[in-house]
Amino acid sequence: MNNHTRLAALSDFLKSKRSKIQPESVGLPTGIRRRTPGLRREEVAQLAGVSTTWYTWLEQGRDIKVSSVVLDCIATALQLTNDERKYLYDLALDTHVISTMKSVEQPKISPSLEKILKELKYCPTVVTDRYCQIIGWNQAATHVFLDFEQVPVEERNLIRLVFERKELRSLAVNWEHFVKGFLAIFRVYYGQYVGEDWYKQFIEEMSEHHQEFQTLWLDSQVSTAPDVQIELRHAKARKMLFNLTSLQLQGDNDLRLSIYTPIEGSATEEKLKNLMNKNSD
């Protein structure tokens, strides 16, 4: 495993979370000589009940011994969510999953999952794997987002598409909010499989070609299942409102369903029905 990559990811995550906590929110004085936003390292150490030197080494990404008890204290001091705690443990305790795959292989869609996709007729649904590769979708998703069948298999990466396809950029009214949800899920996988070279190469490539990716990635949001409201501005149907629900499927392939449910009272479902019926004529 690439230990340097894991420790560098841990360092970036701790710095990001520390910078977002206001001193007054944890009972500390704001002071007048703060040169950087958020808490100082010594303040995090104080809140966690550890030495400043030890915390500094941890945040610097040094390969030191840590325990789950101490990490609990760090997580509490940094006000981490449950998903963020799990991500912290994955990185600090080296609990990553070792992949036996020799290459990135695309999982297959089972017949039962195919049926689920068809039954969700007016709920645009996309199936992705742990690399955020799109491996399945229903007709509703084709009408609202993209005809993924026309996208080359090697380019069907959800993260890549939302940054590179102009139609997806213009579709989301709040594009940054839209993208952050996908990156939060992607970071969960990154924490679990941080030893895989694919993730390192993908992040480096996206950071090099998309400044916005680098900025949003460094924001370090983590969520296994963000449940958010999405407003879309469809070229034909105009305003559409969906609730996005992300479901992790049980099994060995780390498959995930992203289901966009039309919000009641918004006329979104009726618009989608009309859109699909016109295109089927």
C-alpha atoms as a PDB file:
ATOM      1  CA  MET A   1       0.000   0.000   0.000  1.00  0.00           C
ATOM      2  CA  ASN A   2       1.149   3.551  -0.671  1.00  0.00           C
ATOM      3  CA  ASN A   3       1.642   4.676   2.931  1.00  0.00           C
ATOM      4  CA  HIS A   4       2.736   8.146   1.857  1.00  0.00           C
ATOM      5  CA  THR A   5      -0.559   8.707   0.017  1.00  0.00           C
ATOM      6  CA  ARG A   6      -2.579   7.607   3.048  1.00  0.00           C
ATOM      7  CA  LEU A   7      -0.701   9.880   5.461  1.00  0.00           C
ATOM      8  CA  ALA A   8      -0.839  12.821   3.061  1.00  0.00           C
ATOM      9  CA  ALA A   9      -4.625  12.367   2.790  1.00  0.00           C
ATOM     10  CA  LEU A  10      -4.871  12.262   6.589  1.00  0.00           C
ATOM     11  CA  SER A  11      -2.846  15.468   6.867  1.00  0.00           C
ATOM     12  CA  ASP A  12      -5.005  17.316   4.327  1.00  0.00           C
ATOM     13  CA  PHE A  13      -8.199  16.176   6.016  1.00  0.00           C
ATOM     14  CA  LEU A  14      -7.161  17.287   9.510  1.00  0.00           C
ATOM     15  CA  LYS A  15      -6.002  20.678   8.268  1.00  0.00           C
ATOM     16  CA  SER A  16      -9.240  21.213   6.364  1.00  0.00           C
ATOM     17  CA  LYS A  17     -11.457  20.340   9.325  1.00  0.00           C
ATOM     18  CA  ARG A  18      -9.400  22.410  11.776  1.00  0.00           C
ATOM     19  CA  SER A  19      -9.666  25.478   9.534  1.00  0.00           C
ATOM     20  CA  LYS A  20     -13.477  25.351   9.570  1.00  0.00           C
ATOM     21  CA  ILE A  21     -14.015  25.534  13.340  1.00  0.00           C
ATOM     22  CA  GLN A  22     -14.505  28.984  14.818  1.00  0.00           C
ATOM     23  CA  PRO A  23     -12.747  29.408  18.194  1.00  0.00           C
ATOM     24  CA  GLU A  24     -15.815  30.916  19.836  1.00  0.00           C
ATOM     25  CA  SER A  25     -17.884  27.845  18.885  1.00  0.00           C
ATOM     26  CA  VAL A  26     -15.760  25.723  21.220  1.00  0.00           C
ATOM     27  CA  GLY A  27     -15.438  28.297  24.011  1.00  0.00           C
ATOM     28  CA  LEU A  28     -12.058  29.726  22.998  1.00  0.00           C
ATOM     29  CA  PRO A  29     -11.264  33.435  22.610  1.00  0.00           C
ATOM     30  CA  THR A  30     -11.054  34.724  19.048  1.00  0.00           C
ATOM     31  CA  GLY A  31      -7.918  36.751  19.661  1.00  0.00           C
ATOM     32  CA  ILE A  32      -6.453  39.407  17.387  1.00  0.00           C
ATOM     33  CA  ARG A  33      -3.343  37.672  16.033  1.00  0.00           C
ATOM     34  CA  ARG A  34      -4.881  34.794  14.135  1.00  0.00           C
ATOM     35  CA  ARG A  35      -3.234  34.538  10.725  1.00  0.00           C
ATOM     36  CA  THR A  36      -5.176  31.505   9.533  1.00  0.00           C
ATOM     37  CA  PRO A  37      -8.881  30.640   9.793  1.00  0.00           C
ATOM     38  CA  GLY A  38     -10.164  28.177  12.352  1.00  0.00           C
ATOM     39  CA  LEU A  39      -8.353  26.675  15.304  1.00  0.00           C
ATOM     40  CA  ARG A  40      -4.645  26.484  15.951  1.00  0.00           C
ATOM     41  CA  ARG A  41      -2.999  23.076  16.308  1.00  0.00           C
ATOM     42  CA  GLU A  42      -2.381  23.609  19.996  1.00  0.00           C
ATOM     43  CA  GLU A  43      -6.063  24.392  20.500  1.00  0.00           C
ATOM     44  CA  VAL A  44      -7.143  21.151  18.862  1.00  0.00           C
ATOM     45  CA  ALA A  45      -4.632  19.310  21.037  1.00  0.00           C
ATOM     46  CA  GLN A  46      -6.019  21.042  24.124  1.00  0.00           C
ATOM     47  CA  LEU A  47      -9.601  20.152  23.261  1.00  0.00           C
ATOM     48  CA  ALA A  48      -8.640  16.539  22.514  1.00  0.00           C
ATOM     49  CA  GLY A  49      -6.513  16.126  25.632  1.00  0.00           C
ATOM     50  CA  VAL A  50      -3.310  15.226  23.763  1.00  0.00           C
ATOM     51  CA  SER A  51       0.069  16.905  23.537  1.00  0.00           C
ATOM     52  CA  THR A  52       0.592  19.615  20.941  1.00  0.00           C
ATOM     53  CA  THR A  53       3.660  17.796  19.647  1.00  0.00           C
ATOM     54  CA  TRP A  54       1.755  14.529  19.118  1.00  0.00           C
ATOM     55  CA  TYR A  55      -1.121  16.251  17.313  1.00  0.00           C
ATOM     56  CA  THR A  56       1.316  18.255  15.182  1.00  0.00           C
ATOM     57  CA  TRP A  57       3.007  15.028  14.101  1.00  0.00           C
ATOM     58  CA  LEU A  58      -0.374  13.489  13.289  1.00  0.00           C
ATOM     59  CA  GLU A  59      -1.415  16.486  11.206  1.00  0.00           C
ATOM     60  CA  GLN A  60       1.950  16.572   9.474  1.00  0.00           C
ATOM     61  CA  GLY A  61       1.315  13.037   8.271  1.00  0.00           C
ATOM     62  CA  ARG A  62       4.081  11.390  10.244  1.00  0.00           C
ATOM     63  CA  ASP A  63       3.861   7.621  10.618  1.00  0.00           C
ATOM     64  CA  ILE A  64       3.125   7.484  14.364  1.00  0.00           C
ATOM     65  CA  LYS A  65       1.118   5.133  16.556  1.00  0.00           C
ATOM     66  CA  VAL A  66      -2.520   6.051  17.105  1.00  0.00           C
ATOM     67  CA  SER A  67      -5.389   4.405  18.922  1.00  0.00           C
ATOM     68  CA  SER A  68      -9.135   4.498  18.357  1.00  0.00           C
ATOM     69  CA  VAL A  69      -9.571   6.093  21.808  1.00  0.00           C
ATOM     70  CA  VAL A  70      -7.326   9.025  20.950  1.00  0.00           C
ATOM     71  CA  LEU A  71      -8.904   9.343  17.510  1.00  0.00           C
ATOM     72  CA  ASP A  72     -12.300   9.593  19.186  1.00  0.00           C
ATOM     73  CA  CYS A  73     -11.004  12.583  21.124  1.00  0.00           C
ATOM     74  CA  ILE A  74      -9.596  14.174  17.965  1.00  0.00           C
ATOM     75  CA  ALA A  75     -12.878  13.560  16.124  1.00  0.00           C
ATOM     76  CA  THR A  76     -14.861  15.179  18.933  1.00  0.00           C
ATOM     77  CA  ALA A  77     -12.536  18.185  19.055  1.00  0.00           C
ATOM     78  CA  LEU A  78     -12.920  18.660  15.295  1.00  0.00           C
ATOM     79  CA  GLN A  79     -16.709  18.183  15.487  1.00  0.00           C
ATOM     80  CA  LEU A  80     -16.676  15.393  12.896  1.00  0.00           C
ATOM     81  CA  THR A  81     -19.821  13.697  11.673  1.00  0.00           C
ATOM     82  CA  ASN A  82     -20.142   9.909  11.839  1.00  0.00           C
ATOM     83  CA  ASP A  83     -19.055   9.587   8.205  1.00  0.00           C
ATOM     84  CA  GLU A  84     -16.098  11.884   8.796  1.00  0.00           C
ATOM     85  CA  ARG A  85     -15.101   9.851  11.860  1.00  0.00           C
ATOM     86  CA  LYS A  86     -15.117   6.673   9.798  1.00  0.00           C
ATOM     87  CA  TYR A  87     -12.977   8.390   7.165  1.00  0.00           C
ATOM     88  CA  LEU A  88     -10.530   9.542   9.864  1.00  0.00           C
ATOM     89  CA  TYR A  89     -10.244   5.979  11.228  1.00  0.00           C
ATOM     90  CA  ASP A  90      -9.751   4.536   7.738  1.00  0.00           C
ATOM     91  CA  LEU A  91      -6.796   6.836   7.162  1.00  0.00           C
ATOM     92  CA  ALA A  92      -5.218   6.972  10.619  1.00  0.00           C
ATOM     93  CA  LEU A  93      -5.645   3.304  11.565  1.00  0.00           C
ATOM     94  CA  ASP A  94      -4.835   2.036   8.071  1.00  0.00           C
ATOM     95  CA  THR A  95      -8.087   0.073   7.815  1.00  0.00           C
ATOM     96  CA  HIS A  96      -8.157   0.313   4.020  1.00  0.00           C
ATOM     97  CA  VAL A  97      -9.477  -2.553   1.953  1.00  0.00           C
ATOM     98  CA  ILE A  98      -6.881  -4.413  -0.073  1.00  0.00           C
ATOM     99  CA  SER A  99      -8.168  -4.999  -3.576  1.00  0.00           C
ATOM    100  CA  THR A 100      -7.291  -8.237  -5.323  1.00  0.00           C
ATOM    101  CA  MET A 101      -8.299  -6.806  -8.693  1.00  0.00           C
ATOM    102  CA  LYS A 102      -5.460  -6.519 -11.197  1.00  0.00           C
ATOM    103  CA  SER A 103      -7.303  -3.823 -13.123  1.00  0.00           C
ATOM    104  CA  VAL A 104     -10.414  -1.733 -12.860  1.00  0.00           C
ATOM    105  CA  GLU A 105     -13.130  -4.178 -13.903  1.00  0.00           C
ATOM    106  CA  GLN A 106     -16.693  -3.042 -14.384  1.00  0.00           C
ATOM    107  CA  PRO A 107     -19.224  -4.959 -12.256  1.00  0.00           C
ATOM    108  CA  LYS A 108     -22.260  -6.460 -13.932  1.00  0.00           C
ATOM    109  CA  ILE A 109     -25.852  -5.339 -13.403  1.00  0.00           C
ATOM    110  CA  SER A 110     -27.889  -8.240 -12.050  1.00  0.00           C
ATOM    111  CA  PRO A 111     -31.336  -9.060 -13.499  1.00  0.00           C
ATOM    112  CA  SER A 112     -32.978  -8.051 -10.212  1.00  0.00           C
ATOM    113  CA  LEU A 113     -31.239  -4.671 -10.290  1.00  0.00           C
ATOM    114  CA  GLU A 114     -32.290  -4.223 -13.920  1.00  0.00           C
ATOM    115  CA  LYS A 115     -35.893  -4.772 -12.849  1.00  0.00           C
ATOM    116  CA  ILE A 116     -35.560  -2.205 -10.054  1.00  0.00           C
ATOM    117  CA  LEU A 117     -34.267   0.353 -12.557  1.00  0.00           C
ATOM    118  CA  LYS A 118     -37.233  -0.254 -14.859  1.00  0.00           C
ATOM    119  CA  GLU A 119     -39.730  -0.068 -12.005  1.00  0.00           C
ATOM    120  CA  LEU A 120     -38.385   3.355 -11.015  1.00  0.00           C
ATOM    121  CA  LYS A 121     -39.927   4.609 -14.244  1.00  0.00           C
ATOM    122  CA  TYR A 122     -40.306   8.275 -13.364  1.00  0.00           C
ATOM    123  CA  CYS A 123     -37.392   8.474 -10.941  1.00  0.00           C
ATOM    124  CA  PRO A 124     -34.124   9.073 -12.830  1.00  0.00           C
ATOM    125  CA  THR A 125     -31.709   6.530 -11.375  1.00  0.00           C
ATOM    126  CA  VAL A 126     -28.001   5.931 -11.951  1.00  0.00           C
ATOM    127  CA  VAL A 127     -25.913   2.978 -10.715  1.00  0.00           C
ATOM    128  CA  THR A 128     -22.229   3.578  -9.996  1.00  0.00           C
ATOM    129  CA  ASP A 129     -19.349   1.511  -8.633  1.00  0.00           C
ATOM    130  CA  ARG A 130     -16.654   2.495  -6.131  1.00  0.00           C
ATOM    131  CA  TYR A 131     -14.767   4.396  -8.817  1.00  0.00           C
ATOM    132  CA  CYS A 132     -17.946   6.364  -9.588  1.00  0.00           C
ATOM    133  CA  GLN A 133     -18.051   4.649 -12.960  1.00  0.00           C
ATOM    134  CA  ILE A 134     -21.597   4.640 -14.316  1.00  0.00           C
ATOM    135  CA  ILE A 135     -22.572   1.041 -14.974  1.00  0.00           C
ATOM    136  CA  GLY A 136     -26.349   1.292 -15.174  1.00  0.00           C
ATOM    137  CA  TRP A 137     -29.220   3.730 -15.582  1.00  0.00           C
ATOM    138  CA  ASN A 138     -32.875   3.866 -16.484  1.00  0.00           C
ATOM    139  CA  GLN A 139     -34.713   5.673 -19.274  1.00  0.00           C
ATOM    140  CA  ALA A 140     -35.712   8.538 -16.995  1.00  0.00           C
ATOM    141  CA  ALA A 141     -32.041   9.280 -16.318  1.00  0.00           C
ATOM    142  CA  THR A 142     -31.359   9.307 -20.058  1.00  0.00           C
ATOM    143  CA  HIS A 143     -34.066  11.922 -20.622  1.00  0.00           C
ATOM    144  CA  VAL A 144     -33.049  14.156 -17.718  1.00  0.00           C
ATOM    145  CA  PHE A 145     -29.242  13.890 -17.754  1.00  0.00           C
ATOM    146  CA  LEU A 146     -27.417  12.261 -20.662  1.00  0.00           C
ATOM    147  CA  ASP A 147     -27.849   9.397 -23.042  1.00  0.00           C
ATOM    148  CA  PHE A 148     -25.071   7.460 -21.346  1.00  0.00           C
ATOM    149  CA  GLU A 149     -25.173   4.863 -24.105  1.00  0.00           C
ATOM    150  CA  GLN A 150     -23.627   7.492 -26.375  1.00  0.00           C
ATOM    151  CA  VAL A 151     -20.762   8.096 -23.953  1.00  0.00           C
ATOM    152  CA  PRO A 152     -17.751   5.774 -24.446  1.00  0.00           C
ATOM    153  CA  VAL A 153     -17.507   3.227 -21.624  1.00  0.00           C
ATOM    154  CA  GLU A 154     -14.094   4.482 -20.495  1.00  0.00           C
ATOM    155  CA  GLU A 155     -15.497   8.022 -20.138  1.00  0.00           C
ATOM    156  CA  ARG A 156     -18.571   7.100 -18.085  1.00  0.00           C
ATOM    157  CA  ASN A 157     -17.165   8.347 -14.830  1.00  0.00           C
ATOM    158  CA  LEU A 158     -19.693  10.399 -12.889  1.00  0.00           C
ATOM    159  CA  ILE A 159     -17.109  12.750 -11.384  1.00  0.00           C
ATOM    160  CA  ARG A 160     -15.429  13.337 -14.718  1.00  0.00           C
ATOM    161  CA  LEU A 161     -18.715  13.942 -16.544  1.00  0.00           C
ATOM    162  CA  VAL A 162     -20.056  16.595 -14.152  1.00  0.00           C
ATOM    163  CA  PHE A 163     -16.866  18.594 -14.663  1.00  0.00           C
ATOM    164  CA  GLU A 164     -16.399  18.061 -18.396  1.00  0.00           C
ATOM    165  CA  ARG A 165     -19.861  17.937 -19.968  1.00  0.00           C
ATOM    166  CA  LYS A 166     -21.349  21.375 -20.639  1.00  0.00           C
ATOM    167  CA  GLU A 167     -24.905  20.004 -20.610  1.00  0.00           C
ATOM    168  CA  LEU A 168     -24.490  18.779 -17.028  1.00  0.00           C
ATOM    169  CA  ARG A 169     -22.934  22.063 -15.914  1.00  0.00           C
ATOM    170  CA  SER A 170     -25.857  24.040 -17.306  1.00  0.00           C
ATOM    171  CA  LEU A 171     -28.415  21.520 -16.036  1.00  0.00           C
ATOM    172  CA  ALA A 172     -27.776  21.997 -12.313  1.00  0.00           C
ATOM    173  CA  VAL A 173     -28.977  25.375 -11.026  1.00  0.00           C
ATOM    174  CA  ASN A 174     -26.481  25.140  -8.156  1.00  0.00           C
ATOM    175  CA  TRP A 175     -23.724  23.206  -9.912  1.00  0.00           C
ATOM    176  CA  GLU A 176     -21.261  23.428  -7.007  1.00  0.00           C
ATOM    177  CA  HIS A 177     -23.816  22.022  -4.555  1.00  0.00           C
ATOM    178  CA  PHE A 178     -24.628  19.307  -7.097  1.00  0.00           C
ATOM    179  CA  VAL A 179     -20.977  18.292  -7.452  1.00  0.00           C
ATOM    180  CA  LYS A 180     -20.147  18.396  -3.739  1.00  0.00           C
ATOM    181  CA  GLY A 181     -22.586  15.555  -3.052  1.00  0.00           C
ATOM    182  CA  PHE A 182     -20.819  13.267  -5.519  1.00  0.00           C
ATOM    183  CA  LEU A 183     -17.375  14.225  -4.228  1.00  0.00           C
ATOM    184  CA  ALA A 184     -18.492  13.511  -0.647  1.00  0.00           C
ATOM    185  CA  ILE A 185     -19.411   9.962  -1.663  1.00  0.00           C
ATOM    186  CA  PHE A 186     -16.227   9.598  -3.709  1.00  0.00           C
ATOM    187  CA  ARG A 187     -14.150  10.545  -0.659  1.00  0.00           C
ATOM    188  CA  VAL A 188     -15.744   7.720   1.341  1.00  0.00           C
ATOM    189  CA  TYR A 189     -14.442   5.242  -1.237  1.00  0.00           C
ATOM    190  CA  TYR A 190     -11.100   7.016  -1.319  1.00  0.00           C
ATOM    191  CA  GLY A 191     -10.722   6.526   2.438  1.00  0.00           C
ATOM    192  CA  GLN A 192     -11.456   2.809   2.106  1.00  0.00           C
ATOM    193  CA  TYR A 193      -9.242   2.192  -0.934  1.00  0.00           C
ATOM    194  CA  VAL A 194      -6.625   4.906  -0.501  1.00  0.00           C
ATOM    195  CA  GLY A 195      -3.872   2.358  -1.258  1.00  0.00           C
ATOM    196  CA  GLU A 196      -5.045   1.851  -4.824  1.00  0.00           C
ATOM    197  CA  ASP A 197      -3.022   3.737  -7.408  1.00  0.00           C
ATOM    198  CA  TRP A 198      -6.175   4.382  -9.480  1.00  0.00           C
ATOM    199  CA  TYR A 199      -7.512   6.896  -6.955  1.00  0.00           C
ATOM    200  CA  LYS A 200      -4.236   8.786  -6.720  1.00  0.00           C
ATOM    201  CA  GLN A 201      -3.897   8.970 -10.488  1.00  0.00           C
ATOM    202  CA  PHE A 202      -7.519  10.020 -10.982  1.00  0.00           C
ATOM    203  CA  ILE A 203      -7.345  12.797  -8.374  1.00  0.00           C
ATOM    204  CA  GLU A 204      -4.061  14.093  -9.804  1.00  0.00           C
ATOM    205  CA  GLU A 205      -5.478  14.078 -13.329  1.00  0.00           C
ATOM    206  CA  MET A 206      -8.691  15.863 -12.338  1.00  0.00           C
ATOM    207  CA  SER A 207      -6.777  18.419 -10.246  1.00  0.00           C
ATOM    208  CA  GLU A 208      -4.459  19.150 -13.149  1.00  0.00           C
ATOM    209  CA  HIS A 209      -7.237  19.690 -15.688  1.00  0.00           C
ATOM    210  CA  HIS A 210      -9.941  21.221 -13.478  1.00  0.00           C
ATOM    211  CA  GLN A 211      -9.084  23.921 -10.933  1.00  0.00           C
ATOM    212  CA  GLU A 212     -12.627  23.690  -9.566  1.00  0.00           C
ATOM    213  CA  PHE A 213     -12.132  20.019  -8.809  1.00  0.00           C
ATOM    214  CA  GLN A 214      -9.021  20.731  -6.776  1.00  0.00           C
ATOM    215  CA  THR A 215     -10.796  23.454  -4.794  1.00  0.00           C
ATOM    216  CA  LEU A 216     -13.879  21.354  -4.049  1.00  0.00           C
ATOM    217  CA  TRP A 217     -11.833  18.233  -3.299  1.00  0.00           C
ATOM    218  CA  LEU A 218      -9.743  20.091  -0.720  1.00  0.00           C
ATOM    219  CA  ASP A 219     -13.000  21.078   0.988  1.00  0.00           C
ATOM    220  CA  SER A 220     -12.929  17.490   2.323  1.00  0.00           C
ATOM    221  CA  GLN A 221     -16.644  16.786   2.652  1.00  0.00           C
ATOM    222  CA  VAL A 222     -17.466  13.161   3.501  1.00  0.00           C
ATOM    223  CA  SER A 223     -20.878  11.500   3.306  1.00  0.00           C
ATOM    224  CA  THR A 224     -21.974   7.932   2.652  1.00  0.00           C
ATOM    225  CA  ALA A 225     -25.486   8.953   1.642  1.00  0.00           C
ATOM    226  CA  PRO A 226     -26.158  12.659   1.128  1.00  0.00           C
ATOM    227  CA  ASP A 227     -29.894  13.303   1.005  1.00  0.00           C
ATOM    228  CA  VAL A 228     -30.349  16.620  -0.751  1.00  0.00           C
ATOM    229  CA  GLN A 229     -32.773  18.592  -2.897  1.00  0.00           C
ATOM    230  CA  ILE A 230     -31.637  19.279  -6.438  1.00  0.00           C
ATOM    231  CA  GLU A 231     -33.013  21.952  -8.752  1.00  0.00           C
ATOM    232  CA  LEU A 232     -32.424  21.314 -12.439  1.00  0.00           C
ATOM    233  CA  ARG A 233     -32.922  23.608 -15.388  1.00  0.00           C
ATOM    234  CA  HIS A 234     -33.763  21.210 -18.208  1.00  0.00           C
ATOM    235  CA  ALA A 235     -33.451  22.456 -21.788  1.00  0.00           C
ATOM    236  CA  LYS A 236     -36.932  21.167 -22.709  1.00  0.00           C
ATOM    237  CA  ALA A 237     -38.814  20.663 -19.437  1.00  0.00           C
ATOM    238  CA  ARG A 238     -37.387  23.770 -17.765  1.00  0.00           C
ATOM    239  CA  LYS A 239     -37.458  23.832 -13.946  1.00  0.00           C
ATOM    240  CA  MET A 240     -37.396  20.377 -12.324  1.00  0.00           C
ATOM    241  CA  LEU A 241     -37.061  19.604  -8.609  1.00  0.00           C
ATOM    242  CA  PHE A 242     -35.806  16.297  -7.256  1.00  0.00           C
ATOM    243  CA  ASN A 243     -34.864  14.773  -3.928  1.00  0.00           C
ATOM    244  CA  LEU A 244     -31.612  12.864  -4.343  1.00  0.00           C
ATOM    245  CA  THR A 245     -31.393   9.679  -2.295  1.00  0.00           C
ATOM    246  CA  SER A 246     -28.178   7.663  -2.402  1.00  0.00           C
ATOM    247  CA  LEU A 247     -28.357   3.981  -1.459  1.00  0.00           C
ATOM    248  CA  GLN A 248     -25.423   1.624  -0.955  1.00  0.00           C
ATOM    249  CA  LEU A 249     -26.149  -1.915  -2.176  1.00  0.00           C
ATOM    250  CA  GLN A 250     -25.006  -4.890  -0.141  1.00  0.00           C
ATOM    251  CA  GLY A 251     -22.446  -7.123  -1.822  1.00  0.00           C
ATOM    252  CA  ASP A 252     -18.842  -7.222  -2.969  1.00  0.00           C
ATOM    253  CA  ASN A 253     -19.027  -4.622  -5.744  1.00  0.00           C
ATOM    254  CA  ASP A 254     -19.722  -1.432  -3.755  1.00  0.00           C
ATOM    255  CA  LEU A 255     -22.589  -0.526  -6.047  1.00  0.00           C
ATOM    256  CA  ARG A 256     -24.641   2.569  -5.320  1.00  0.00           C
ATOM    257  CA  LEU A 257     -28.026   3.771  -6.535  1.00  0.00           C
ATOM    258  CA  SER A 258     -28.525   7.505  -6.934  1.00  0.00           C
ATOM    259  CA  ILE A 259     -32.294   7.990  -7.152  1.00  0.00           C
ATOM    260  CA  TYR A 260     -33.823  11.326  -8.106  1.00  0.00           C
ATOM    261  CA  THR A 261     -37.406  11.421  -6.842  1.00  0.00           C
ATOM    262  CA  PRO A 262     -39.657  14.166  -8.257  1.00  0.00           C
ATOM    263  CA  ILE A 263     -40.772  16.507  -5.485  1.00  0.00           C
ATOM    264  CA  GLU A 264     -44.525  16.434  -4.976  1.00  0.00           C
ATOM    265  CA  GLY A 265     -46.343  19.588  -5.955  1.00  0.00           C
ATOM    266  CA  SER A 266     -43.537  20.763  -8.238  1.00  0.00           C
ATOM    267  CA  ALA A 267     -45.027  19.372 -11.478  1.00  0.00           C
ATOM    268  CA  THR A 268     -41.682  17.664 -12.076  1.00  0.00           C
ATOM    269  CA  GLU A 269     -43.121  14.175 -12.497  1.00  0.00           C
ATOM    270  CA  GLU A 270     -45.703  15.420 -14.999  1.00  0.00           C
ATOM    271  CA  LYS A 271     -42.985  17.216 -16.951  1.00  0.00           C
ATOM    272  CA  LEU A 272     -40.867  14.079 -16.970  1.00  0.00           C
ATOM    273  CA  LYS A 273     -43.795  11.960 -18.192  1.00  0.00           C
ATOM    274  CA  ASN A 274     -44.465  14.404 -21.018  1.00  0.00           C
ATOM    275  CA  LEU A 275     -40.785  14.484 -21.912  1.00  0.00           C
ATOM    276  CA  MET A 276     -40.536  10.704 -22.053  1.00  0.00           C
ATOM    277  CA  ASN A 277     -43.793  10.286 -23.968  1.00  0.00           C
ATOM    278  CA  LYS A 278     -42.786  12.820 -26.627  1.00  0.00           C
ATOM    279  CA  ASN A 279     -39.464  11.144 -27.175  1.00  0.00           C
ATOM    280  CA  SER A 280     -41.096   7.726 -27.464  1.00  0.00           C
ATOM    281  CA  ASP A 281     -43.470   8.840 -30.225  1.00  0.00           C
END
